[in-house]
Amino acid sequence: AAAKAAVVAVFKPAQVAKAEELIADGGIVAIRGRRVFRAVSTDGTRTYLTAPQACNCAAGLKAKHACLHRIAATILAAA
């Protein structure tokens, strides 16, 4: 619960909600412990490698803002 509160404090609530939906739908799975994850794109056609620090989706590669995949990875890694 404390880890989730820390995530909510850092990221926008709408982004956290999308990340939680991704987790609830099973759209992100751990592939290397709780360090690296495979996440499904929003439209379901692609997958991305993601971690709390980085993601190889278009938003993650631009690195202006944390993408929902990184937020979901952060939540799962903290759990």
Protein backbone atom coordinates (compact mmCIF):
# COMPACT_ATOMS: atom_id res chain seq x y z
CA ALA A 1 0.00 0.00 0.00
CA ALA A 2 2.83 2.41 0.80
CA ALA A 3 4.54 1.64 -2.51
CA LYS A 4 1.34 2.36 -4.42
CA ALA A 5 0.88 5.63 -2.55
CA ALA A 6 4.40 6.64 -3.58
CA VAL A 7 3.60 5.86 -7.23
CA VAL A 8 0.38 7.86 -7.09
CA ALA A 9 2.27 10.80 -5.60
CA VAL A 10 4.80 10.84 -8.46
CA PHE A 11 2.64 10.19 -11.51
CA LYS A 12 -0.61 11.71 -12.76
CA PRO A 13 -3.76 9.94 -11.48
CA ALA A 14 -5.04 9.27 -15.02
CA GLN A 15 -1.75 7.55 -15.93
CA VAL A 16 -1.86 5.46 -12.76
CA ALA A 17 -5.44 4.41 -13.54
CA LYS A 18 -4.41 3.25 -17.04
CA ALA A 19 -1.45 1.36 -15.58
CA GLU A 20 -3.69 -0.34 -13.03
CA GLU A 21 -6.08 -1.32 -15.81
CA LEU A 22 -3.16 -2.82 -17.77
CA ILE A 23 -2.20 -4.86 -14.70
CA ALA A 24 -5.80 -5.97 -14.03
CA ASP A 25 -6.22 -7.07 -17.66
CA GLY A 26 -3.04 -9.17 -17.51
CA GLY A 27 -1.38 -6.95 -20.11
CA ILE A 28 1.98 -6.92 -18.34
CA VAL A 29 3.97 -9.92 -17.13
CA ALA A 30 7.34 -10.29 -15.46
CA ILE A 31 9.98 -11.95 -17.61
CA ARG A 32 13.01 -11.40 -15.36
CA GLY A 33 12.00 -11.43 -11.74
CA ARG A 34 10.52 -8.06 -10.86
CA ARG A 35 13.01 -6.13 -12.95
CA VAL A 36 11.95 -6.54 -16.60
CA PHE A 37 8.42 -6.94 -17.92
CA ARG A 38 6.67 -7.51 -21.25
CA ALA A 39 3.70 -5.19 -21.74
CA VAL A 40 1.01 -5.15 -24.41
CA SER A 41 0.34 -1.97 -26.37
CA THR A 42 -2.92 -0.10 -25.87
CA ASP A 43 -4.36 -1.45 -29.13
CA GLY A 44 -3.09 -4.97 -28.42
CA THR A 45 -1.02 -5.33 -31.59
CA ARG A 46 2.50 -4.97 -30.15
CA THR A 47 4.46 -5.81 -27.04
CA TYR A 48 7.20 -3.82 -25.36
CA LEU A 49 10.01 -4.54 -22.97
CA THR A 50 9.63 -2.32 -19.97
CA ALA A 51 11.10 -1.72 -16.55
CA PRO A 52 10.55 0.95 -13.90
CA GLN A 53 13.44 2.92 -15.44
CA ALA A 54 12.71 2.60 -19.19
CA CYS A 55 10.37 1.30 -21.89
CA ASN A 56 10.85 0.71 -25.60
CA CYS A 57 7.41 2.01 -26.63
CA ALA A 58 7.26 5.29 -28.59
CA ALA A 59 6.50 7.38 -25.49
CA GLY A 60 9.20 5.60 -23.52
CA LEU A 61 11.80 6.18 -26.22
CA LYS A 62 11.02 9.89 -26.32
CA ALA A 63 11.38 9.91 -22.51
CA LYS A 64 9.51 13.18 -22.01
CA HIS A 65 7.06 11.55 -19.59
CA ALA A 66 6.76 8.13 -18.03
CA CYS A 67 4.53 5.88 -20.13
CA LEU A 68 1.81 3.73 -18.62
CA HIS A 69 3.99 0.64 -19.14
CA ARG A 70 6.74 2.08 -16.91
CA ILE A 71 4.19 3.06 -14.28
CA ALA A 72 2.72 -0.46 -14.31
CA ALA A 73 6.23 -1.93 -14.04
CA THR A 74 6.94 0.38 -11.10
CA ILE A 75 3.78 -0.78 -9.33
CA LEU A 76 4.57 -4.46 -9.93
CA ALA A 77 8.22 -4.12 -8.94
CA ALA A 78 7.23 -2.46 -5.67
CA ALA A 79 4.63 -5.12 -4.82
